[in-house]
C-alpha cells in the first residue's frame, strides 16, 4: 500500500510540473484538461491492472503489458519535459536570488517562464512519446527480413549456397493480431530456405498460449526440415504453479506440441544435415544463460557423437552461452544461432551507420552477426515481443543466412 501511495504522489507531482509547460504555451484550458484526463486514465488503468487485474507472475499478461506500455510512454514524455523545465527553473531561481541580493529594489521574484523553452521541451518530448505509441500500434509487427552471406574455408562443397532461415522468441502469449502473424508466417515461407531453425521462447509461460497459433506455425516449411531448441521462458519458471507435477506437464505438453507442429526439438542433441556424401552437424542445447537464467544446456552431451572435424552449427537460445562457453570450447562451432535479447525492443538502427540499444550494457553480443576466434554468432532480434507491447527502432526479425565456401585465392 505504501509503495502505491508513493507511486501516485510521484506521478501526480511529475504531471503537475509538466502542466506548467502546457499553461505557458497556450491560454486555451482544454489542452490542460486533456492532459489531466489522459494522465489520470493511464495511472488508474496501471493501478487497476497491477492490483485487481488477473494473472500473477513475472511475465506481463496482454492487459498488463499495455498498461505498462502506456505508463512508460507518459513517464518518458513527462521526464524529458521536466529536464528542460527544471533547467529553466534553476536559472529563474538564480535570477530571483540575484535580484534579492544585488538588485536595485532588493526584492525576490521569479522571471516568467519562456514560452519558447516550454515549446521546445514539449516538442522534443513528443518524439519518443509518438515513437512509443507507434511501437505499440505498428512497430511490433514491422517484420524485417535480414540477409547475410557467411564464408567458411571448410564448408563442405555440397553446402555452398545452402540457405538457413532463423526465427527466435515467438512469445505467442503476447500476440493480439492474427492477420499480422499470418503475414509473417507467409514471409518466412517466401524465403524458401533449405532449413528452418527456431532458437527458443515459443511461449511466455504456458503451452496453452501457443495452441491457438499451432495450426498457423505448422504451415512453416523447409526442404530439410524444421528444428528447434528451448528458451528460458519455455520452462514455465516465471509463474507460480500449484504443483511441480503441473509445471513438468506443461513442459512436456510444449515438447509434444512442437512435435505436432513439425519441429524436431533438440534437447542437448544433434542431427546431421546431408547432401550426397557431405554433411553438417546441427547441434541444439537447452537454455544456458549467465546470471540467474536457467543453465540446462549441456554442450558436451549435445556434441558427444559429433566428430571434431565436422562442420558444426549450434542452436543456443542465449548469446551469453556463446560468450562464456562456446567460443572457448575445444570443438570449433562454425556458426551459433541465438536470440533472447530482443534487442530490448528499443534502439536506433541504420544499417551500415549505427546500431545501438541500451541492452548492449547487459549483453555485449545483442543483435546481428559477430565473429570471434574464427567463429560466427548471429543474435536474432526476435519474432515477437514481451513486457512493453511494442518495438521502436529494433524491429521483429526473420534472418536468412546463406553459407558460402570461401574461394581459394
Protein backbone atom coordinates (compact mmCIF):
# COMPACT_ATOMS: atom_id res chain seq x y z
CA UNK A 1 0.00 0.00 0.00
CA UNK A 2 2.83 2.39 0.88
CA UNK A 3 4.51 1.70 -2.47
CA UNK A 4 1.33 2.54 -4.37
CA UNK A 5 0.92 5.77 -2.37
CA UNK A 6 4.49 6.81 -3.18
CA UNK A 7 3.91 5.95 -6.85
CA UNK A 8 0.69 8.00 -7.04
CA UNK A 9 2.23 11.03 -5.31
CA UNK A 10 5.33 10.93 -7.51
CA UNK A 11 3.28 10.52 -10.69
CA UNK A 12 0.96 13.40 -9.78
CA UNK A 13 3.95 15.62 -8.94
CA UNK A 14 5.59 14.93 -12.30
CA UNK A 15 2.32 15.54 -14.15
CA UNK A 16 1.68 18.81 -12.30
CA UNK A 17 5.14 20.03 -13.21
CA UNK A 18 4.57 19.26 -16.93
CA UNK A 19 1.20 21.00 -16.74
CA UNK A 20 3.06 24.27 -16.19
CA UNK A 21 4.64 23.97 -19.64
CA UNK A 22 1.22 23.48 -21.24
CA UNK A 23 -0.13 26.53 -19.48
CA UNK A 24 2.86 28.56 -20.63
CA UNK A 25 2.42 27.82 -24.34
CA UNK A 26 -1.38 28.09 -24.54
CA UNK A 27 -4.12 30.08 -22.87
CA UNK A 28 -6.70 27.55 -24.05
CA UNK A 29 -7.67 25.49 -20.96
CA UNK A 30 -8.78 22.43 -22.95
CA UNK A 31 -5.11 21.48 -23.55
CA UNK A 32 -4.59 21.25 -19.81
CA UNK A 33 -7.80 19.34 -19.22
CA UNK A 34 -6.94 16.86 -21.99
CA UNK A 35 -3.51 16.25 -20.48
CA UNK A 36 -5.02 15.79 -17.00
CA UNK A 37 -7.61 13.32 -18.32
CA UNK A 38 -5.05 11.22 -20.22
CA UNK A 39 -2.61 11.21 -17.29
CA UNK A 40 -5.29 10.09 -14.84
CA UNK A 41 -6.58 7.39 -17.20
CA UNK A 42 -3.08 5.95 -17.67
CA UNK A 43 -2.36 5.98 -13.94
CA UNK A 44 -5.70 4.46 -12.90
CA UNK A 45 -5.50 1.74 -15.56
CA UNK A 46 -1.99 0.83 -14.44
CA UNK A 47 -3.07 0.62 -10.79
CA UNK A 48 -6.12 -1.47 -11.67
CA UNK A 49 -4.23 -3.94 -13.87
CA UNK A 50 -1.49 -4.48 -11.30
CA UNK A 51 -3.82 -4.82 -8.31
CA UNK A 52 -7.26 -6.12 -9.28
CA UNK A 53 -6.15 -7.42 -12.70
CA UNK A 54 -5.84 -11.18 -13.11
CA UNK A 55 -2.79 -13.36 -13.77
CA UNK A 56 0.20 -13.36 -11.46
CA UNK A 57 3.81 -13.94 -12.33
CA UNK A 58 6.87 -12.08 -13.54
CA UNK A 59 5.73 -12.02 -17.18
CA UNK A 60 3.03 -9.49 -18.02
CA UNK A 61 -0.32 -10.53 -19.46
CA UNK A 62 -1.61 -8.62 -22.50
CA UNK A 63 -3.72 -6.13 -20.45
CA UNK A 64 -0.86 -5.59 -18.01
CA UNK A 65 1.67 -5.11 -20.79
CA UNK A 66 -0.47 -2.39 -22.40
CA UNK A 67 -0.96 -0.71 -19.02
CA UNK A 68 2.82 -0.76 -18.60
CA UNK A 69 3.35 0.46 -22.16
CA UNK A 70 1.07 3.48 -21.76
CA UNK A 71 2.64 4.32 -18.40
CA UNK A 72 6.12 4.10 -19.91
CA UNK A 73 5.01 6.41 -22.72
CA UNK A 74 3.62 9.04 -20.32
CA UNK A 75 6.60 8.87 -17.98
CA UNK A 76 9.03 9.30 -20.88
CA UNK A 77 7.10 12.36 -22.08
CA UNK A 78 6.98 13.82 -18.57
CA UNK A 79 10.61 13.21 -17.67
CA UNK A 80 12.00 14.70 -20.89
CA UNK A 81 9.78 17.77 -20.50
CA UNK A 82 10.83 18.17 -16.88
CA UNK A 83 14.53 18.09 -17.77
CA UNK A 84 14.00 21.29 -19.74
CA UNK A 85 11.68 22.91 -17.21
CA UNK A 86 13.95 22.12 -14.28
CA UNK A 87 16.99 23.62 -16.00
CA UNK A 88 14.99 26.78 -16.65
CA UNK A 89 13.72 26.85 -13.07
CA UNK A 90 17.29 26.75 -11.77
CA UNK A 91 18.04 29.77 -13.95
CA UNK A 92 14.88 31.52 -12.71
CA UNK A 93 15.79 30.79 -9.08
CA UNK A 94 19.32 32.14 -9.53
CA UNK A 95 17.91 35.27 -11.21
CA UNK A 96 15.49 35.79 -8.34
CA UNK A 97 18.24 35.42 -5.74
CA UNK A 98 20.47 37.82 -7.64
CA UNK A 99 17.70 40.44 -7.67
CA UNK A 100 17.20 39.93 -3.95
CA UNK A 101 20.90 40.33 -3.13
CA UNK A 102 22.13 42.80 -5.71
CA UNK A 103 19.11 44.31 -7.41
CA UNK A 104 18.06 47.92 -7.01
CA UNK A 105 14.83 47.01 -5.15
CA UNK A 106 16.28 44.08 -3.17
CA UNK A 107 13.16 42.00 -3.86
CA UNK A 108 12.94 38.32 -4.69
CA UNK A 109 10.90 37.49 -7.77
CA UNK A 110 10.98 34.70 -10.34
CA UNK A 111 11.12 35.68 -14.02
CA UNK A 112 8.25 34.36 -16.14
CA UNK A 113 8.73 31.07 -17.92
CA UNK A 114 9.90 31.45 -21.50
CA UNK A 115 7.29 30.19 -23.94
CA UNK A 116 9.94 29.15 -26.46
CA UNK A 117 11.67 26.80 -23.99
CA UNK A 118 8.37 25.21 -23.00
CA UNK A 119 7.52 24.68 -26.67
CA UNK A 120 10.96 23.17 -27.26
CA UNK A 121 10.60 20.83 -24.26
CA UNK A 122 7.18 19.60 -25.31
CA UNK A 123 8.27 19.25 -28.94
CA UNK A 124 11.31 17.11 -28.08
CA UNK A 125 9.31 15.03 -25.57
CA UNK A 126 6.67 14.41 -28.25
CA UNK A 127 9.19 12.47 -30.38
CA UNK A 128 9.72 9.47 -28.02
CA UNK A 129 6.07 9.79 -26.94
CA UNK A 130 4.93 9.28 -30.53
CA UNK A 131 7.57 6.61 -31.17
CA UNK A 132 6.47 4.52 -28.18
CA UNK A 133 2.82 4.75 -29.26
CA UNK A 134 3.79 3.82 -32.83
CA UNK A 135 5.80 0.90 -31.44
CA UNK A 136 2.67 -0.47 -29.76
CA UNK A 137 0.41 0.18 -32.74
CA UNK A 138 2.60 -0.80 -35.70
CA UNK A 139 6.23 -1.35 -34.74
CA UNK A 140 5.76 -4.72 -33.03
CA UNK A 141 4.60 -6.24 -36.34
CA UNK A 142 7.02 -4.37 -38.61
CA UNK A 143 8.73 -7.61 -39.71
CA UNK A 144 12.09 -7.35 -41.46
CA UNK A 145 13.97 -10.00 -43.42
CA UNK A 146 17.70 -9.61 -42.76
CA UNK A 147 20.03 -11.48 -45.12
CA UNK A 148 23.66 -12.44 -44.57
CA UNK A 149 26.28 -14.31 -46.61
CA UNK A 150 28.86 -16.06 -44.43
CA UNK A 151 32.04 -17.56 -45.86
CA UNK A 152 33.90 -20.56 -44.45
CA UNK A 153 37.13 -22.23 -45.51
CA UNK A 154 35.98 -25.71 -44.56
CA UNK A 155 32.33 -25.68 -45.60
CA UNK A 156 31.53 -28.97 -47.36
CA UNK A 157 31.36 -28.36 -51.11
CA UNK A 158 27.76 -29.51 -51.49
CA UNK A 159 26.60 -26.91 -48.95
CA UNK A 160 27.93 -23.91 -50.89
CA UNK A 161 24.83 -21.69 -51.23
CA UNK A 162 22.92 -23.54 -48.50
CA UNK A 163 20.24 -21.23 -47.06
CA UNK A 164 19.08 -21.12 -43.42
CA UNK A 165 16.09 -19.22 -42.07
CA UNK A 166 16.29 -18.48 -38.35
CA UNK A 167 13.45 -17.21 -36.18
CA UNK A 168 13.53 -16.76 -32.42
CA UNK A 169 11.48 -15.59 -29.44
CA UNK A 170 7.99 -16.08 -30.81
CA UNK A 171 6.36 -15.31 -27.43
CA UNK A 172 2.95 -16.39 -28.65
CA UNK A 173 1.29 -15.33 -25.39
CA UNK A 174 1.75 -11.69 -26.43
CA UNK A 175 0.13 -11.88 -29.89
CA UNK A 176 -3.04 -9.88 -30.49
CA UNK A 177 -3.39 -9.68 -34.30
CA UNK A 178 -3.78 -12.90 -36.28
CA UNK A 179 -3.60 -11.19 -39.68
CA UNK A 180 -0.17 -9.79 -38.89
CA UNK A 181 1.12 -13.16 -37.73
CA UNK A 182 -0.29 -14.83 -40.86
CA UNK A 183 1.62 -12.26 -42.92
CA UNK A 184 4.84 -13.00 -41.02
CA UNK A 185 4.49 -16.78 -41.38
CA UNK A 186 3.93 -16.33 -45.11
CA UNK A 187 7.00 -14.08 -45.26
CA UNK A 188 9.10 -16.84 -43.67
CA UNK A 189 7.88 -19.39 -46.23
CA UNK A 190 8.59 -16.97 -49.08
CA UNK A 191 12.31 -17.25 -48.30
CA UNK A 192 12.22 -20.89 -49.47
CA UNK A 193 15.23 -21.79 -47.33
CA UNK A 194 16.73 -25.26 -47.15
CA UNK A 195 16.22 -25.48 -43.39
CA UNK A 196 14.28 -23.56 -40.73
CA UNK A 197 15.80 -23.13 -37.26
CA UNK A 198 13.88 -21.77 -34.26
CA UNK A 199 16.05 -20.73 -31.30
CA UNK A 200 13.67 -20.75 -28.35
CA UNK A 201 10.95 -18.96 -26.35
CA UNK A 202 7.87 -20.19 -28.14
CA UNK A 203 5.66 -19.06 -25.23
CA UNK A 204 5.76 -16.57 -22.38
CA UNK A 205 4.79 -19.07 -19.69
CA UNK A 206 2.34 -21.81 -20.70
CA UNK A 207 1.86 -24.22 -23.57
CA UNK A 208 -1.78 -23.11 -23.88
CA UNK A 209 -0.55 -19.75 -25.24
CA UNK A 210 0.70 -21.46 -28.40
CA UNK A 211 -2.31 -23.67 -29.00
CA UNK A 212 -4.39 -21.02 -30.90
CA UNK A 213 -1.41 -20.42 -33.20
CA UNK A 214 -0.21 -24.00 -33.66
CA UNK A 215 -2.15 -24.56 -36.90
CA UNK A 216 -0.60 -21.43 -38.40
CA UNK A 217 3.00 -22.21 -37.43
CA UNK A 218 2.51 -25.80 -38.61
CA UNK A 219 2.41 -24.39 -42.14
CA UNK A 220 6.06 -23.30 -41.90
CA UNK A 221 8.00 -25.34 -44.39
CA UNK A 222 11.60 -26.06 -45.30
CA UNK A 223 13.03 -28.77 -47.58
CA UNK A 224 15.41 -30.22 -44.99
CA UNK A 225 13.10 -29.77 -42.01
CA UNK A 226 12.33 -27.53 -39.04
CA UNK A 227 14.44 -27.73 -35.89
CA UNK A 228 14.05 -26.01 -32.52
CA UNK A 229 15.52 -25.59 -29.05
CA UNK A 230 14.06 -24.34 -25.78
CA UNK A 231 14.43 -20.81 -24.40
CA UNK A 232 14.24 -19.67 -20.79
CA UNK A 233 10.52 -18.84 -20.98
CA UNK A 234 9.57 -22.29 -22.28
CA UNK A 235 10.21 -23.93 -18.91
CA UNK A 236 7.38 -22.08 -17.14
CA UNK A 237 9.68 -20.65 -14.48
CA UNK A 238 8.08 -17.19 -14.32
CA UNK A 239 4.62 -18.01 -12.94
CA UNK A 240 3.50 -19.86 -9.81
CA UNK A 241 2.32 -23.48 -10.23
CA UNK A 242 0.10 -25.35 -7.81
CA UNK A 243 2.40 -28.38 -8.00
CA UNK A 244 5.71 -29.30 -9.61
CA UNK A 245 3.84 -32.01 -11.50
CA UNK A 246 1.72 -29.39 -13.30
CA UNK A 247 4.82 -27.42 -14.22
CA UNK A 248 6.53 -30.53 -15.57
CA UNK A 249 3.42 -31.47 -17.52
CA UNK A 250 3.33 -28.01 -19.08
CA UNK A 251 6.86 -28.50 -20.40
CA UNK A 252 6.09 -31.98 -21.71
CA UNK A 253 2.97 -30.60 -23.41
CA UNK A 254 5.08 -27.94 -25.11
CA UNK A 255 7.53 -30.55 -26.36
CA UNK A 256 4.63 -32.61 -27.73
CA UNK A 257 3.06 -29.55 -29.35
CA UNK A 258 6.29 -28.66 -31.10
CA UNK A 259 6.45 -32.19 -32.49
CA UNK A 260 2.84 -31.89 -33.72
CA UNK A 261 3.77 -28.64 -35.46
CA UNK A 262 6.58 -30.43 -37.31
CA UNK A 263 9.55 -29.16 -35.29
CA UNK A 264 12.35 -31.53 -34.36
CA UNK A 265 13.16 -30.30 -30.85
CA UNK A 266 16.84 -30.77 -29.95
CA UNK A 267 17.32 -31.32 -26.22
CA UNK A 268 21.11 -31.40 -25.85
CA UNK A 269 21.22 -33.45 -29.05
CA UNK A 270 22.46 -33.28 -32.61
CA UNK A 271 21.25 -34.12 -36.10
CA UNK A 272 23.08 -34.30 -39.41
CA UNK A 273 22.01 -32.34 -42.46
CA UNK A 274 23.15 -34.30 -45.51
CA UNK A 275 23.71 -33.56 -49.18
CA UNK A 276 25.15 -36.53 -51.01
CA UNK A 277 28.34 -37.58 -49.24
CA UNK A 278 28.66 -34.23 -47.42
CA UNK A 279 27.09 -33.38 -44.07
CA UNK A 280 26.75 -30.63 -41.47
CA UNK A 281 26.30 -31.30 -37.77
CA UNK A 282 23.35 -29.39 -36.32
CA UNK A 283 23.74 -29.22 -32.53
CA UNK A 284 20.97 -27.99 -30.22
CA UNK A 285 21.27 -27.27 -26.50
CA UNK A 286 18.69 -26.44 -23.88
CA UNK A 287 18.76 -22.95 -22.38
CA UNK A 288 22.04 -21.79 -20.88
CA UNK A 289 22.23 -18.20 -19.65
CA UNK A 290 24.55 -16.28 -17.37
CA UNK A 291 23.29 -14.64 -14.19
CA UNK A 292 20.05 -16.02 -12.82
CA UNK A 293 18.92 -17.72 -16.03
CA UNK A 294 18.45 -21.47 -16.29
CA UNK A 295 21.53 -23.48 -17.17
CA UNK A 296 20.06 -26.67 -18.60
CA UNK A 297 22.24 -26.63 -21.69
CA UNK A 298 24.90 -29.34 -21.90
CA UNK A 299 27.22 -28.68 -24.82
CA UNK A 300 29.37 -31.78 -24.21
CA UNK A 301 26.36 -34.06 -24.18
CA UNK A 302 24.84 -32.44 -27.25
CA UNK A 303 28.02 -32.92 -29.30
CA UNK A 304 29.13 -36.23 -27.77
CA UNK A 305 28.60 -38.11 -31.05
CA UNK A 306 29.79 -35.33 -33.34
CA UNK A 307 33.23 -35.55 -34.91
CA UNK A 308 35.57 -32.72 -34.01
CA UNK A 309 36.29 -32.11 -37.71
CA UNK A 310 32.63 -31.84 -38.73
CA UNK A 311 31.27 -28.51 -39.87
CA UNK A 312 29.02 -27.50 -36.97
CA UNK A 313 26.04 -25.20 -36.48
CA UNK A 314 24.94 -24.67 -32.88
CA UNK A 315 21.49 -23.56 -31.74
CA UNK A 316 21.64 -21.96 -28.27
CA UNK A 317 18.96 -19.52 -27.13
CA UNK A 318 21.04 -17.14 -25.00
CA UNK A 319 24.08 -15.46 -26.62
CA UNK A 320 25.84 -15.32 -23.24
CA UNK A 321 26.36 -19.08 -23.71
CA UNK A 322 28.48 -18.33 -26.80
CA UNK A 323 30.39 -15.67 -24.91
CA UNK A 324 31.02 -17.77 -21.77
CA UNK A 325 31.44 -21.31 -23.10
CA UNK A 326 31.07 -21.90 -26.83
CA UNK A 327 33.91 -19.84 -28.32
CA UNK A 328 36.32 -21.35 -25.76
CA UNK A 329 35.23 -24.93 -26.38
CA UNK A 330 37.70 -27.41 -27.85
CA UNK A 331 35.16 -28.07 -30.60
CA UNK A 332 35.07 -25.36 -33.25
CA UNK A 333 31.44 -24.25 -33.70
CA UNK A 334 31.46 -22.54 -37.06
CA UNK A 335 28.11 -20.81 -36.60
CA UNK A 336 26.00 -20.30 -33.48
CA UNK A 337 22.41 -19.05 -33.68
CA UNK A 338 20.84 -17.31 -30.68
CA UNK A 339 18.08 -14.86 -29.71
CA UNK A 340 16.88 -13.94 -26.21
CA UNK A 341 17.83 -10.24 -26.08
CA UNK A 342 15.01 -8.91 -28.36
CA UNK A 343 17.41 -6.00 -28.91
CA UNK A 344 15.46 -4.71 -25.89
CA UNK A 345 12.71 -3.90 -28.47
CA UNK A 346 14.10 -0.37 -28.41
CA UNK A 347 17.04 1.33 -30.05
CA UNK A 348 18.40 3.13 -33.06
CA UNK A 349 19.49 1.16 -36.08
CA UNK A 350 20.51 2.43 -39.50
CA UNK A 351 22.23 -0.39 -41.43
CA UNK A 352 25.83 0.48 -42.18
CA UNK A 353 25.73 3.55 -39.93
CA UNK A 354 24.61 2.90 -36.39
CA UNK A 355 23.32 0.06 -34.21
CA UNK A 356 22.57 0.96 -30.61
CA UNK A 357 20.31 -0.20 -27.81
CA UNK A 358 20.57 0.04 -24.01
CA UNK A 359 20.64 -3.76 -23.95
CA UNK A 360 24.29 -3.60 -25.09
CA UNK A 361 25.21 -2.80 -21.48
CA UNK A 362 23.81 -6.20 -20.43
CA UNK A 363 24.72 -8.28 -23.48
CA UNK A 364 27.89 -7.45 -25.47
CA UNK A 365 26.51 -9.61 -28.30
CA UNK A 366 22.93 -8.44 -28.64
CA UNK A 367 21.87 -8.26 -32.31
CA UNK A 368 23.23 -9.32 -35.68
CA UNK A 369 26.43 -11.04 -36.78
CA UNK A 370 29.58 -11.27 -34.66
CA UNK A 371 32.86 -13.09 -35.24
CA UNK A 372 35.39 -14.19 -32.62
CA UNK A 373 38.21 -16.71 -32.89
CA UNK A 374 37.09 -17.69 -36.39
CA UNK A 375 33.54 -18.50 -35.21
CA UNK A 376 30.33 -16.68 -36.18
CA UNK A 377 27.37 -15.80 -33.96
CA UNK A 378 24.02 -14.44 -35.11
CA UNK A 379 21.74 -12.93 -32.46
CA UNK A 380 18.22 -12.73 -33.85
CA UNK A 381 16.26 -9.67 -32.65
CA UNK A 382 13.17 -11.80 -32.06
CA UNK A 383 9.90 -12.51 -33.83
CA UNK A 384 7.56 -11.45 -31.00
CA UNK A 385 7.62 -9.08 -28.06
CA UNK A 386 7.37 -9.20 -24.28
CA UNK A 387 6.70 -6.71 -21.47
CA UNK A 388 6.43 -3.46 -23.41
CA UNK A 389 3.91 -4.44 -26.13
CA UNK A 390 5.78 -2.83 -28.98
CA UNK A 391 9.06 -2.21 -30.75
CA UNK A 392 10.83 1.05 -31.51
CA UNK A 393 13.78 1.06 -33.89
CA UNK A 394 14.60 -2.63 -33.29
CA UNK A 395 12.10 -4.42 -35.50
CA UNK A 396 10.94 -8.07 -35.41
CA UNK A 397 13.33 -10.18 -37.44
CA UNK A 398 13.42 -13.08 -39.85
CA UNK A 399 17.06 -13.99 -40.50
CA UNK A 400 18.20 -15.60 -43.74
CA UNK A 401 21.81 -16.84 -43.76
CA UNK A 402 23.49 -18.24 -46.89
CA UNK A 403 26.56 -20.40 -46.32
CA UNK A 404 29.39 -19.90 -48.79
CA UNK A 405 32.56 -21.83 -49.47
CA UNK A 406 35.45 -19.41 -49.32
CA UNK A 407 37.23 -19.21 -52.65
CA UNK A 408 40.83 -20.39 -52.68
CA UNK A 409 42.70 -17.33 -53.96
